Amino acid sequence: MLTNPDAEKAKFSFLSLGDSYTIGESVDESARWSVQLADLLRQSNVDVTNPDIIARTGWTTAELQDAIKASGNRKTYDLVSLLIGVNNQYRGQSQERYRTEFRDLLQTAIKFANGRPGRVFVLSIPDWGASPYARGRNRNQIADEINAFNAIAQQECKSAGVSYVDITPLTRQAAGDESQFASDGLHYSGKQMRQWAEIALPTATSLLATP
């Protein structure tokens, strides 16, 4: 978990929860999508700190929840993001398990937002089947499974009153463009994650404008 020494100086605090896509595997800290989002918010005259981050490469929903508990973080935040599920899909875990654990994580995120679902937003799961790493794999199957997991996330967000931001099409459009991917061929470059930040910006701005 990362903490920000300047957090107390900003009007709004921000927590970003997730896996490799949130921690920004294989890219600099400044290229992480949520860090880029905070920068875009500040450019829009929204006084927000860089995010605290609870994320690690490889985490499933259950592992993220366990890590949150182990972190002992009792702070509350003005804005909370969640991006999780690709490792559930990658490991072949069931959709039913994902639904249950994702629902629990949504409630955890809402608690971090001081009980305000209107200050929480979820990013959809990127389609890693479009990455160079996925060459030789059944990309149609990966896409179908990612779609199913994302449909669950979207349904659960709607039920919980949480905003949902669909970045999956952006990750599919990246296919064939090496500049959109990190050096490992699996994770995304700062250039691709900039697009996630840009598409999330109107939602984040709107959420922070509400009480």
N, C-alpha and C. Protein backbone atom coordinates (compact mmCIF):
# COMPACT_ATOMS: atom_id res chain seq x y z
N MET A 1 0.84 -1.20 0.00
CA MET A 1 0.00 0.00 0.00
C MET A 1 0.87 1.25 0.00
N LEU A 2 0.47 2.21 -0.79
CA LEU A 2 1.21 3.45 -0.88
C LEU A 2 0.48 4.55 -0.14
N THR A 3 1.20 5.36 0.57
CA THR A 3 0.59 6.51 1.23
C THR A 3 1.22 7.77 0.68
N ASN A 4 0.51 8.86 0.81
CA ASN A 4 0.94 10.10 0.21
C ASN A 4 1.21 11.15 1.28
N PRO A 5 2.44 11.62 1.38
CA PRO A 5 2.78 12.60 2.41
C PRO A 5 2.04 13.92 2.24
N ASP A 6 1.58 14.23 1.02
CA ASP A 6 0.89 15.50 0.77
C ASP A 6 -0.62 15.36 0.81
N ALA A 7 -1.11 14.20 1.21
CA ALA A 7 -2.55 13.96 1.15
C ALA A 7 -3.35 14.94 1.99
N GLU A 8 -2.81 15.34 3.13
CA GLU A 8 -3.56 16.23 4.00
C GLU A 8 -3.74 17.62 3.40
N LYS A 9 -2.93 17.96 2.41
CA LYS A 9 -3.00 19.29 1.83
C LYS A 9 -4.09 19.41 0.79
N ALA A 10 -4.55 18.29 0.24
CA ALA A 10 -5.55 18.31 -0.81
C ALA A 10 -6.95 18.26 -0.22
N LYS A 11 -7.89 18.81 -0.96
CA LYS A 11 -9.29 18.81 -0.51
C LYS A 11 -9.87 17.41 -0.54
N PHE A 12 -9.56 16.65 -1.60
CA PHE A 12 -10.15 15.33 -1.79
C PHE A 12 -9.08 14.23 -1.71
N SER A 13 -9.42 13.14 -1.03
CA SER A 13 -8.56 11.97 -0.95
C SER A 13 -9.08 10.89 -1.89
N PHE A 14 -8.19 9.97 -2.27
CA PHE A 14 -8.50 9.00 -3.32
C PHE A 14 -7.84 7.68 -2.96
N LEU A 15 -8.61 6.59 -3.06
CA LEU A 15 -8.11 5.23 -2.84
C LEU A 15 -8.37 4.41 -4.09
N SER A 16 -7.37 3.67 -4.54
CA SER A 16 -7.50 2.84 -5.74
C SER A 16 -7.21 1.39 -5.37
N LEU A 17 -8.18 0.51 -5.61
CA LEU A 17 -8.10 -0.90 -5.24
C LEU A 17 -8.03 -1.77 -6.49
N GLY A 18 -7.19 -2.82 -6.47
CA GLY A 18 -7.17 -3.67 -7.64
C GLY A 18 -6.06 -4.69 -7.69
N ASP A 19 -5.57 -4.90 -8.92
CA ASP A 19 -4.55 -5.92 -9.18
C ASP A 19 -3.43 -5.30 -10.02
N SER A 20 -2.87 -6.05 -10.95
CA SER A 20 -1.75 -5.53 -11.74
C SER A 20 -2.13 -4.31 -12.56
N TYR A 21 -3.38 -4.22 -12.98
CA TYR A 21 -3.80 -3.09 -13.80
C TYR A 21 -3.86 -1.80 -13.00
N THR A 22 -4.02 -1.92 -11.70
CA THR A 22 -4.05 -0.74 -10.84
C THR A 22 -2.65 -0.38 -10.34
N ILE A 23 -1.85 -1.39 -10.01
CA ILE A 23 -0.50 -1.10 -9.55
C ILE A 23 0.40 -0.70 -10.72
N GLY A 24 -0.05 -0.99 -11.95
CA GLY A 24 0.72 -0.59 -13.12
C GLY A 24 1.94 -1.45 -13.32
N GLU A 25 1.72 -2.75 -13.42
CA GLU A 25 2.83 -3.68 -13.63
C GLU A 25 3.66 -3.27 -14.85
N SER A 26 4.96 -3.20 -14.67
CA SER A 26 5.93 -2.92 -15.74
C SER A 26 5.94 -1.48 -16.24
N VAL A 27 5.30 -0.56 -15.51
CA VAL A 27 5.38 0.86 -15.89
C VAL A 27 5.76 1.69 -14.66
N ASP A 28 6.16 2.93 -14.90
CA ASP A 28 6.50 3.84 -13.81
C ASP A 28 5.26 4.20 -13.00
N GLU A 29 5.48 4.60 -11.76
CA GLU A 29 4.36 4.97 -10.90
C GLU A 29 3.51 6.07 -11.54
N SER A 30 4.15 7.01 -12.20
CA SER A 30 3.42 8.13 -12.78
C SER A 30 2.51 7.71 -13.92
N ALA A 31 2.73 6.51 -14.47
CA ALA A 31 1.92 6.02 -15.60
C ALA A 31 0.70 5.23 -15.16
N ARG A 32 0.60 4.91 -13.88
CA ARG A 32 -0.57 4.17 -13.39
C ARG A 32 -1.85 4.94 -13.71
N TRP A 33 -2.87 4.22 -14.08
CA TRP A 33 -4.08 4.92 -14.56
C TRP A 33 -4.67 5.83 -13.50
N SER A 34 -4.69 5.39 -12.24
CA SER A 34 -5.32 6.21 -11.21
C SER A 34 -4.47 7.42 -10.86
N VAL A 35 -3.15 7.30 -10.99
CA VAL A 35 -2.28 8.46 -10.80
C VAL A 35 -2.50 9.46 -11.94
N GLN A 36 -2.63 8.93 -13.15
CA GLN A 36 -2.93 9.81 -14.28
C GLN A 36 -4.30 10.47 -14.13
N LEU A 37 -5.27 9.73 -13.59
CA LEU A 37 -6.59 10.31 -13.36
C LEU A 37 -6.51 11.46 -12.36
N ALA A 38 -5.76 11.27 -11.28
CA ALA A 38 -5.61 12.34 -10.29
C ALA A 38 -5.00 13.58 -10.93
N ASP A 39 -4.04 13.36 -11.82
CA ASP A 39 -3.41 14.49 -12.52
C ASP A 39 -4.41 15.20 -13.42
N LEU A 40 -5.24 14.44 -14.12
CA LEU A 40 -6.26 15.04 -14.98
C LEU A 40 -7.29 15.81 -14.16
N LEU A 41 -7.65 15.28 -13.00
CA LEU A 41 -8.59 15.98 -12.12
C LEU A 41 -8.01 17.33 -11.68
N ARG A 42 -6.74 17.31 -11.31
CA ARG A 42 -6.10 18.56 -10.89
C ARG A 42 -6.04 19.56 -12.04
N GLN A 43 -5.80 19.06 -13.26
CA GLN A 43 -5.81 19.94 -14.42
C GLN A 43 -7.19 20.55 -14.65
N SER A 44 -8.22 19.87 -14.15
CA SER A 44 -9.59 20.36 -14.26
C SER A 44 -10.00 21.15 -13.01
N ASN A 45 -8.99 21.52 -12.23
CA ASN A 45 -9.21 22.33 -11.02
C ASN A 45 -9.97 21.59 -9.92
N VAL A 46 -9.80 20.27 -9.88
CA VAL A 46 -10.32 19.47 -8.78
C VAL A 46 -9.14 19.12 -7.88
N ASP A 47 -9.17 19.58 -6.65
CA ASP A 47 -8.03 19.46 -5.74
C ASP A 47 -8.02 18.08 -5.09
N VAL A 48 -7.38 17.13 -5.75
CA VAL A 48 -7.34 15.75 -5.27
C VAL A 48 -5.89 15.30 -5.14
N THR A 49 -5.63 14.49 -4.12
CA THR A 49 -4.30 13.93 -3.95
C THR A 49 -4.08 12.75 -4.87
N ASN A 50 -2.83 12.37 -5.10
CA ASN A 50 -2.57 11.10 -5.75
C ASN A 50 -3.15 9.98 -4.89
N PRO A 51 -3.55 8.88 -5.52
CA PRO A 51 -4.25 7.84 -4.77
C PRO A 51 -3.36 7.04 -3.83
N ASP A 52 -3.94 6.67 -2.70
CA ASP A 52 -3.42 5.52 -1.97
C ASP A 52 -3.78 4.30 -2.81
N ILE A 53 -2.93 3.30 -2.83
CA ILE A 53 -3.17 2.14 -3.68
C ILE A 53 -3.03 0.86 -2.86
N ILE A 54 -4.05 0.02 -2.95
CA ILE A 54 -3.96 -1.35 -2.43
C ILE A 54 -4.17 -2.26 -3.64
N ALA A 55 -3.09 -2.79 -4.16
CA ALA A 55 -3.14 -3.60 -5.38
C ALA A 55 -1.85 -4.38 -5.53
N ARG A 56 -1.94 -5.51 -6.18
CA ARG A 56 -0.74 -6.31 -6.47
C ARG A 56 -1.02 -7.20 -7.67
N THR A 57 0.01 -7.42 -8.46
CA THR A 57 -0.12 -8.29 -9.62
C THR A 57 -0.54 -9.69 -9.17
N GLY A 58 -1.54 -10.23 -9.86
CA GLY A 58 -1.99 -11.60 -9.60
C GLY A 58 -3.15 -11.74 -8.66
N TRP A 59 -3.54 -10.66 -8.00
CA TRP A 59 -4.61 -10.77 -7.01
C TRP A 59 -5.97 -11.05 -7.65
N THR A 60 -6.67 -11.99 -7.03
CA THR A 60 -8.09 -12.22 -7.32
C THR A 60 -8.92 -11.37 -6.37
N THR A 61 -10.24 -11.46 -6.51
CA THR A 61 -11.13 -10.75 -5.60
C THR A 61 -10.87 -11.15 -4.15
N ALA A 62 -10.73 -12.42 -3.89
CA ALA A 62 -10.52 -12.89 -2.52
C ALA A 62 -9.19 -12.40 -1.97
N GLU A 63 -8.16 -12.42 -2.80
CA GLU A 63 -6.83 -12.00 -2.34
C GLU A 63 -6.79 -10.50 -2.08
N LEU A 64 -7.50 -9.72 -2.89
CA LEU A 64 -7.59 -8.29 -2.62
C LEU A 64 -8.30 -8.03 -1.30
N GLN A 65 -9.39 -8.73 -1.08
CA GLN A 65 -10.13 -8.55 0.18
C GLN A 65 -9.26 -8.92 1.37
N ASP A 66 -8.53 -10.02 1.27
CA ASP A 66 -7.63 -10.43 2.35
C ASP A 66 -6.56 -9.36 2.61
N ALA A 67 -6.02 -8.80 1.53
CA ALA A 67 -4.97 -7.79 1.66
C ALA A 67 -5.51 -6.51 2.30
N ILE A 68 -6.73 -6.15 1.95
CA ILE A 68 -7.35 -4.98 2.56
C ILE A 68 -7.47 -5.17 4.08
N LYS A 69 -7.92 -6.35 4.46
CA LYS A 69 -8.04 -6.64 5.89
C LYS A 69 -6.67 -6.61 6.57
N ALA A 70 -5.67 -7.17 5.90
CA ALA A 70 -4.33 -7.22 6.49
C ALA A 70 -3.68 -5.85 6.56
N SER A 71 -4.10 -4.94 5.69
CA SER A 71 -3.50 -3.61 5.66
C SER A 71 -3.83 -2.80 6.91
N GLY A 72 -4.96 -3.13 7.54
CA GLY A 72 -5.37 -2.38 8.72
C GLY A 72 -5.80 -0.96 8.42
N ASN A 73 -6.03 -0.65 7.15
CA ASN A 73 -6.41 0.71 6.75
C ASN A 73 -7.82 1.02 7.23
N ARG A 74 -7.94 2.01 8.10
CA ARG A 74 -9.25 2.41 8.62
C ARG A 74 -9.64 3.80 8.14
N LYS A 75 -8.87 4.33 7.20
CA LYS A 75 -9.16 5.66 6.70
C LYS A 75 -10.43 5.64 5.84
N THR A 76 -11.02 6.81 5.65
CA THR A 76 -12.08 6.96 4.67
C THR A 76 -11.62 7.96 3.62
N TYR A 77 -12.21 7.85 2.45
CA TYR A 77 -11.75 8.61 1.29
C TYR A 77 -12.94 9.29 0.60
N ASP A 78 -12.60 10.32 -0.16
CA ASP A 78 -13.61 11.04 -0.92
C ASP A 78 -13.93 10.35 -2.24
N LEU A 79 -13.00 9.55 -2.72
CA LEU A 79 -13.18 8.85 -3.99
C LEU A 79 -12.50 7.49 -3.90
N VAL A 80 -13.20 6.45 -4.34
CA VAL A 80 -12.65 5.09 -4.30
C VAL A 80 -12.89 4.41 -5.64
N SER A 81 -11.83 3.82 -6.19
CA SER A 81 -11.96 3.06 -7.44
C SER A 81 -11.68 1.58 -7.19
N LEU A 82 -12.27 0.74 -8.03
CA LEU A 82 -12.08 -0.70 -7.93
C LEU A 82 -11.95 -1.27 -9.35
N LEU A 83 -10.92 -2.05 -9.56
CA LEU A 83 -10.71 -2.76 -10.83
C LEU A 83 -10.15 -4.12 -10.49
N ILE A 84 -10.97 -5.17 -10.63
CA ILE A 84 -10.57 -6.50 -10.17
C ILE A 84 -11.35 -7.57 -10.94
N GLY A 85 -10.71 -8.71 -11.16
CA GLY A 85 -11.42 -9.84 -11.74
C GLY A 85 -10.68 -10.60 -12.81
N VAL A 86 -9.65 -9.98 -13.41
CA VAL A 86 -8.98 -10.68 -14.50
C VAL A 86 -8.32 -11.96 -14.02
N ASN A 87 -7.82 -11.97 -12.79
CA ASN A 87 -7.16 -13.18 -12.30
C ASN A 87 -8.15 -14.27 -11.91
N ASN A 88 -9.37 -13.86 -11.54
CA ASN A 88 -10.43 -14.86 -11.37
C ASN A 88 -10.69 -15.56 -12.70
N GLN A 89 -10.79 -14.77 -13.76
CA GLN A 89 -11.03 -15.35 -15.09
C GLN A 89 -9.84 -16.20 -15.53
N TYR A 90 -8.64 -15.68 -15.35
CA TYR A 90 -7.43 -16.36 -15.81
C TYR A 90 -7.27 -17.72 -15.13
N ARG A 91 -7.64 -17.79 -13.86
CA ARG A 91 -7.49 -19.05 -13.10
C ARG A 91 -8.67 -19.98 -13.27
N GLY A 92 -9.65 -19.57 -14.04
CA GLY A 92 -10.80 -20.42 -14.28
C GLY A 92 -11.79 -20.50 -13.13
N GLN A 93 -11.80 -19.50 -12.27
CA GLN A 93 -12.75 -19.48 -11.16
C GLN A 93 -14.16 -19.21 -11.68
N SER A 94 -15.14 -19.65 -10.93
CA SER A 94 -16.51 -19.59 -11.40
C SER A 94 -17.07 -18.17 -11.37
N GLN A 95 -18.05 -17.95 -12.23
CA GLN A 95 -18.74 -16.66 -12.24
C GLN A 95 -19.51 -16.45 -10.93
N GLU A 96 -20.03 -17.52 -10.37
CA GLU A 96 -20.79 -17.40 -9.12
C GLU A 96 -19.88 -16.93 -7.99
N ARG A 97 -18.68 -17.48 -7.93
CA ARG A 97 -17.73 -17.05 -6.91
C ARG A 97 -17.35 -15.58 -7.11
N TYR A 98 -17.13 -15.22 -8.35
CA TYR A 98 -16.78 -13.82 -8.63
C TYR A 98 -17.89 -12.89 -8.19
N ARG A 99 -19.12 -13.25 -8.48
CA ARG A 99 -20.24 -12.38 -8.10
C ARG A 99 -20.27 -12.16 -6.59
N THR A 100 -20.14 -13.23 -5.84
CA THR A 100 -20.19 -13.14 -4.37
C THR A 100 -19.05 -12.29 -3.83
N GLU A 101 -17.84 -12.56 -4.31
CA GLU A 101 -16.67 -11.85 -3.79
C GLU A 101 -16.61 -10.41 -4.29
N PHE A 102 -17.06 -10.18 -5.51
CA PHE A 102 -17.08 -8.82 -6.03
C PHE A 102 -18.11 -7.99 -5.26
N ARG A 103 -19.24 -8.58 -4.97
CA ARG A 103 -20.27 -7.88 -4.19
C ARG A 103 -19.73 -7.47 -2.82
N ASP A 104 -18.97 -8.37 -2.20
CA ASP A 104 -18.37 -8.05 -0.90
C ASP A 104 -17.36 -6.91 -1.04
N LEU A 105 -16.57 -6.93 -2.11
CA LEU A 105 -15.59 -5.88 -2.33
C LEU A 105 -16.25 -4.53 -2.57
N LEU A 106 -17.38 -4.54 -3.26
CA LEU A 106 -18.12 -3.29 -3.45
C LEU A 106 -18.50 -2.70 -2.10
N GLN A 107 -18.97 -3.54 -1.19
CA GLN A 107 -19.35 -3.04 0.14
C GLN A 107 -18.12 -2.53 0.89
N THR A 108 -16.99 -3.19 0.71
CA THR A 108 -15.74 -2.71 1.32
C THR A 108 -15.36 -1.35 0.76
N ALA A 109 -15.47 -1.21 -0.55
CA ALA A 109 -15.15 0.07 -1.19
C ALA A 109 -16.08 1.18 -0.69
N ILE A 110 -17.35 0.85 -0.52
CA ILE A 110 -18.32 1.83 -0.02
C ILE A 110 -17.98 2.24 1.41
N LYS A 111 -17.53 1.31 2.21
CA LYS A 111 -17.10 1.64 3.58
C LYS A 111 -15.91 2.59 3.54
N PHE A 112 -14.97 2.33 2.64
CA PHE A 112 -13.82 3.24 2.49
C PHE A 112 -14.27 4.64 2.06
N ALA A 113 -15.40 4.69 1.35
CA ALA A 113 -15.94 5.98 0.91
C ALA A 113 -16.89 6.57 1.96
N ASN A 114 -16.71 6.14 3.19
CA ASN A 114 -17.53 6.65 4.31
C ASN A 114 -19.01 6.36 4.10
N GLY A 115 -19.29 5.18 3.56
CA GLY A 115 -20.66 4.75 3.38
C GLY A 115 -21.38 5.38 2.21
N ARG A 116 -20.63 6.01 1.29
CA ARG A 116 -21.24 6.72 0.17
C ARG A 116 -21.00 5.97 -1.15
N PRO A 117 -21.96 5.18 -1.61
CA PRO A 117 -21.77 4.49 -2.89
C PRO A 117 -21.58 5.47 -4.05
N GLY A 118 -22.11 6.69 -3.88
CA GLY A 118 -21.96 7.71 -4.90
C GLY A 118 -20.57 8.29 -5.01
N ARG A 119 -19.64 7.80 -4.22
CA ARG A 119 -18.24 8.21 -4.33
C ARG A 119 -17.34 7.05 -4.77
N VAL A 120 -17.96 5.98 -5.25
CA VAL A 120 -17.22 4.78 -5.68
C VAL A 120 -17.46 4.55 -7.17
N PHE A 121 -16.42 4.17 -7.88
CA PHE A 121 -16.61 3.76 -9.27
C PHE A 121 -15.75 2.54 -9.58
N VAL A 122 -16.23 1.75 -10.52
CA VAL A 122 -15.58 0.51 -10.93
C VAL A 122 -15.16 0.63 -12.39
N LEU A 123 -13.97 0.17 -12.70
CA LEU A 123 -13.53 0.02 -14.08
C LEU A 123 -13.72 -1.43 -14.51
N SER A 124 -14.18 -1.62 -15.73
CA SER A 124 -14.37 -2.97 -16.26
C SER A 124 -13.02 -3.67 -16.43
N ILE A 125 -13.07 -4.98 -16.56
CA ILE A 125 -11.86 -5.79 -16.70
C ILE A 125 -11.33 -5.68 -18.13
N PRO A 126 -10.07 -5.33 -18.30
CA PRO A 126 -9.47 -5.31 -19.64
C PRO A 126 -9.44 -6.71 -20.26
N ASP A 127 -9.47 -6.76 -21.57
CA ASP A 127 -9.41 -8.04 -22.28
C ASP A 127 -7.96 -8.35 -22.65
N TRP A 128 -7.31 -9.13 -21.79
CA TRP A 128 -5.91 -9.48 -22.04
C TRP A 128 -5.75 -10.38 -23.26
N GLY A 129 -6.85 -10.91 -23.77
CA GLY A 129 -6.78 -11.73 -24.98
C GLY A 129 -6.32 -10.94 -26.19
N ALA A 130 -6.41 -9.61 -26.11
CA ALA A 130 -5.95 -8.76 -27.21
C ALA A 130 -4.46 -8.44 -27.12
N SER A 131 -3.80 -8.94 -26.10
CA SER A 131 -2.39 -8.60 -25.87
C SER A 131 -1.47 -9.53 -26.65
N PRO A 132 -0.23 -9.11 -26.89
CA PRO A 132 0.74 -10.00 -27.54
C PRO A 132 0.95 -11.30 -26.77
N TYR A 133 0.84 -11.22 -25.45
CA TYR A 133 1.03 -12.41 -24.60
C TYR A 133 0.04 -13.52 -24.96
N ALA A 134 -1.12 -13.14 -25.47
CA ALA A 134 -2.19 -14.12 -25.71
C ALA A 134 -2.09 -14.81 -27.06
N ARG A 135 -1.04 -14.54 -27.82
CA ARG A 135 -0.89 -15.22 -29.11
C ARG A 135 -0.92 -16.74 -28.92
N GLY A 136 -1.69 -17.40 -29.76
CA GLY A 136 -1.79 -18.85 -29.67
C GLY A 136 -2.86 -19.34 -28.73
N ARG A 137 -3.48 -18.42 -27.99
CA ARG A 137 -4.56 -18.80 -27.08
C ARG A 137 -5.90 -18.57 -27.77
N ASN A 138 -6.95 -19.10 -27.16
CA ASN A 138 -8.29 -18.95 -27.70
C ASN A 138 -8.84 -17.57 -27.31
N ARG A 139 -8.60 -16.61 -28.17
CA ARG A 139 -8.96 -15.23 -27.83
C ARG A 139 -10.46 -15.02 -27.78
N ASN A 140 -11.20 -15.76 -28.58
CA ASN A 140 -12.66 -15.63 -28.52
C ASN A 140 -13.20 -16.11 -27.18
N GLN A 141 -12.64 -17.21 -26.68
CA GLN A 141 -13.06 -17.71 -25.37
C GLN A 141 -12.72 -16.72 -24.27
N ILE A 142 -11.50 -16.16 -24.33
CA ILE A 142 -11.11 -15.17 -23.32
C ILE A 142 -12.07 -13.99 -23.35
N ALA A 143 -12.39 -13.51 -24.55
CA ALA A 143 -13.30 -12.37 -24.68
C ALA A 143 -14.67 -12.69 -24.11
N ASP A 144 -15.17 -13.89 -24.41
CA ASP A 144 -16.49 -14.28 -23.90
C ASP A 144 -16.50 -14.33 -22.37
N GLU A 145 -15.43 -14.88 -21.81
CA GLU A 145 -15.36 -14.98 -20.34
C GLU A 145 -15.21 -13.60 -19.70
N ILE A 146 -14.39 -12.74 -20.29
CA ILE A 146 -14.25 -11.37 -19.78
C ILE A 146 -15.59 -10.66 -19.85
N ASN A 147 -16.32 -10.84 -20.95
CA ASN A 147 -17.64 -10.21 -21.08
C ASN A 147 -18.58 -10.68 -19.97
N ALA A 148 -18.54 -11.97 -19.67
CA ALA A 148 -19.42 -12.52 -18.64
C ALA A 148 -19.08 -11.95 -17.26
N PHE A 149 -17.81 -11.86 -16.95
CA PHE A 149 -17.39 -11.29 -15.67
C PHE A 149 -17.75 -9.81 -15.59
N ASN A 150 -17.57 -9.11 -16.68
CA ASN A 150 -17.92 -7.69 -16.69
C ASN A 150 -19.42 -7.47 -16.55
N ALA A 151 -20.20 -8.35 -17.15
CA ALA A 151 -21.66 -8.24 -17.00
C ALA A 151 -22.06 -8.38 -15.54
N ILE A 152 -21.42 -9.30 -14.84
CA ILE A 152 -21.68 -9.47 -13.41
C ILE A 152 -21.30 -8.20 -12.65
N ALA A 153 -20.13 -7.67 -12.93
CA ALA A 153 -19.69 -6.46 -12.24
C ALA A 153 -20.65 -5.31 -12.49
N GLN A 154 -21.10 -5.17 -13.71
CA GLN A 154 -22.02 -4.08 -14.04
C GLN A 154 -23.35 -4.24 -13.32
N GLN A 155 -23.84 -5.48 -13.25
CA GLN A 155 -25.08 -5.74 -12.53
C GLN A 155 -24.94 -5.42 -11.05
N GLU A 156 -23.84 -5.84 -10.45
CA GLU A 156 -23.64 -5.61 -9.03
C GLU A 156 -23.44 -4.12 -8.73
N CYS A 157 -22.78 -3.42 -9.63
CA CYS A 157 -22.62 -1.97 -9.45
C CYS A 157 -23.99 -1.29 -9.46
N LYS A 158 -24.82 -1.67 -10.40
CA LYS A 158 -26.15 -1.07 -10.49
C LYS A 158 -26.95 -1.32 -9.22
N SER A 159 -26.87 -2.54 -8.70
CA SER A 159 -27.60 -2.88 -7.48
C SER A 159 -27.10 -2.09 -6.28
N ALA A 160 -25.78 -1.79 -6.26
CA ALA A 160 -25.17 -1.11 -5.12
C ALA A 160 -25.18 0.41 -5.27
N GLY A 161 -25.60 0.91 -6.42
CA GLY A 161 -25.59 2.35 -6.64
C GLY A 161 -24.20 2.90 -6.91
N VAL A 162 -23.34 2.07 -7.52
CA VAL A 162 -21.95 2.43 -7.80
C VAL A 162 -21.78 2.65 -9.30
N SER A 163 -21.01 3.64 -9.68
CA SER A 163 -20.77 3.94 -11.09
C SER A 163 -19.86 2.90 -11.73
N TYR A 164 -20.10 2.64 -13.00
CA TYR A 164 -19.35 1.64 -13.75
C TYR A 164 -18.80 2.28 -15.01
N VAL A 165 -17.51 2.13 -15.24
CA VAL A 165 -16.84 2.73 -16.39
C VAL A 165 -16.28 1.61 -17.26
N ASP A 166 -16.72 1.56 -18.50
CA ASP A 166 -16.35 0.47 -19.41
C ASP A 166 -15.10 0.83 -20.21
N ILE A 167 -13.97 0.24 -19.82
CA ILE A 167 -12.71 0.47 -20.54
C ILE A 167 -12.35 -0.70 -21.45
N THR A 168 -13.13 -1.78 -21.40
CA THR A 168 -12.77 -2.99 -22.15
C THR A 168 -12.63 -2.74 -23.65
N PRO A 169 -13.53 -1.97 -24.27
CA PRO A 169 -13.34 -1.71 -25.70
C PRO A 169 -12.00 -1.06 -26.03
N LEU A 170 -11.52 -0.18 -25.16
CA LEU A 170 -10.22 0.45 -25.39
C LEU A 170 -9.11 -0.58 -25.42
N THR A 171 -9.20 -1.57 -24.54
CA THR A 171 -8.14 -2.59 -24.48
C THR A 171 -8.19 -3.50 -25.70
N ARG A 172 -9.37 -3.68 -26.27
CA ARG A 172 -9.48 -4.50 -27.49
C ARG A 172 -8.98 -3.73 -28.71
N GLN A 173 -9.19 -2.45 -28.71
CA GLN A 173 -8.71 -1.62 -29.81
C GLN A 173 -7.18 -1.54 -29.83
N ALA A 174 -6.56 -1.88 -28.71
CA ALA A 174 -5.10 -1.82 -28.61
C ALA A 174 -4.41 -2.97 -29.34
N ALA A 175 -5.16 -3.97 -29.74
CA ALA A 175 -4.57 -5.14 -30.39
C ALA A 175 -3.74 -4.73 -31.60
N GLY A 176 -2.52 -5.25 -31.66
CA GLY A 176 -1.64 -4.98 -32.78
C GLY A 176 -0.80 -3.73 -32.66
N ASP A 177 -1.04 -2.95 -31.62
CA ASP A 177 -0.28 -1.71 -31.40
C ASP A 177 0.63 -1.91 -30.19
N GLU A 178 1.90 -2.20 -30.43
CA GLU A 178 2.80 -2.52 -29.33
C GLU A 178 2.98 -1.35 -28.36
N SER A 179 2.76 -0.13 -28.81
CA SER A 179 2.92 1.03 -27.94
C SER A 179 1.87 1.08 -26.84
N GLN A 180 0.81 0.29 -26.99
CA GLN A 180 -0.25 0.26 -25.99
C GLN A 180 0.05 -0.72 -24.85
N PHE A 181 1.12 -1.49 -25.02
CA PHE A 181 1.43 -2.54 -24.05
C PHE A 181 2.79 -2.30 -23.39
N ALA A 182 2.91 -2.80 -22.17
CA ALA A 182 4.17 -2.73 -21.45
C ALA A 182 5.17 -3.71 -22.06
N SER A 183 6.39 -3.68 -21.58
CA SER A 183 7.46 -4.50 -22.16
C SER A 183 7.21 -5.99 -22.01
N ASP A 184 6.38 -6.39 -21.05
CA ASP A 184 6.11 -7.81 -20.85
C ASP A 184 5.10 -8.37 -21.84
N GLY A 185 4.48 -7.50 -22.65
CA GLY A 185 3.52 -7.96 -23.66
C GLY A 185 2.17 -8.35 -23.12
N LEU A 186 1.98 -8.26 -21.83
CA LEU A 186 0.72 -8.64 -21.20
C LEU A 186 0.01 -7.44 -20.58
N HIS A 187 0.75 -6.65 -19.86
CA HIS A 187 0.16 -5.50 -19.19
C HIS A 187 0.20 -4.28 -20.11
N TYR A 188 -0.37 -3.19 -19.63
CA TYR A 188 -0.59 -2.05 -20.51
C TYR A 188 0.40 -0.92 -20.24
N SER A 189 0.67 -0.17 -21.28
CA SER A 189 1.58 0.96 -21.18
C SER A 189 0.85 2.17 -20.60
N GLY A 190 1.63 3.16 -20.22
CA GLY A 190 1.03 4.39 -19.74
C GLY A 190 0.15 5.04 -20.79
N LYS A 191 0.49 4.83 -22.06
CA LYS A 191 -0.31 5.39 -23.16
C LYS A 191 -1.71 4.81 -23.16
N GLN A 192 -1.84 3.50 -22.98
CA GLN A 192 -3.17 2.89 -22.92
C GLN A 192 -3.89 3.30 -21.64
N MET A 193 -3.18 3.30 -20.52
CA MET A 193 -3.83 3.65 -19.26
C MET A 193 -4.25 5.12 -19.21
N ARG A 194 -3.60 5.95 -20.01
CA ARG A 194 -4.03 7.34 -20.13
C ARG A 194 -5.47 7.39 -20.67
N GLN A 195 -5.77 6.49 -21.60
CA GLN A 195 -7.12 6.45 -22.14
C GLN A 195 -8.13 6.02 -21.08
N TRP A 196 -7.73 5.11 -20.20
CA TRP A 196 -8.63 4.73 -19.10
C TRP A 196 -8.91 5.94 -18.21
N ALA A 197 -7.85 6.67 -17.89
CA ALA A 197 -8.01 7.85 -17.04
C ALA A 197 -8.92 8.87 -17.70
N GLU A 198 -8.75 9.05 -19.00
CA GLU A 198 -9.56 10.03 -19.71
C GLU A 198 -11.03 9.64 -19.74
N ILE A 199 -11.31 8.35 -19.93
CA ILE A 199 -12.70 7.92 -19.99
C ILE A 199 -13.34 7.92 -18.60
N ALA A 200 -12.51 7.76 -17.56
CA ALA A 200 -13.02 7.78 -16.18
C ALA A 200 -13.17 9.19 -15.64
N LEU A 201 -12.52 10.16 -16.28
CA LEU A 201 -12.50 11.53 -15.76
C LEU A 201 -13.89 12.14 -15.56
N PRO A 202 -14.80 12.06 -16.54
CA PRO A 202 -16.12 12.67 -16.31
C PRO A 202 -16.86 12.05 -15.12
N THR A 203 -16.73 10.73 -14.97
CA THR A 203 -17.38 10.06 -13.83
C THR A 203 -16.78 10.53 -12.52
N ALA A 204 -15.46 10.53 -12.42
CA ALA A 204 -14.80 10.96 -11.18
C ALA A 204 -15.12 12.39 -10.85
N THR A 205 -15.13 13.25 -11.86
CA THR A 205 -15.47 14.64 -11.64
C THR A 205 -16.88 14.80 -11.11
N SER A 206 -17.80 14.07 -11.71
CA SER A 206 -19.20 14.12 -11.28
C SER A 206 -19.38 13.62 -9.86
N LEU A 207 -18.70 12.53 -9.53
CA LEU A 207 -18.83 11.96 -8.19
C LEU A 207 -18.32 12.91 -7.13
N LEU A 208 -17.21 13.57 -7.41
CA LEU A 208 -16.64 14.49 -6.43
C LEU A 208 -17.44 15.78 -6.32
N ALA A 209 -18.30 16.04 -7.29
CA ALA A 209 -19.14 17.24 -7.25
C ALA A 209 -20.40 17.05 -6.43
N THR A 210 -20.68 15.78 -6.06
CA THR A 210 -21.87 15.48 -5.28
C THR A 210 -21.51 15.39 -3.81
N PRO A 211 -22.46 15.73 -2.90
CA PRO A 211 -22.18 15.65 -1.47
C PRO A 211 -21.85 14.25 -1.01
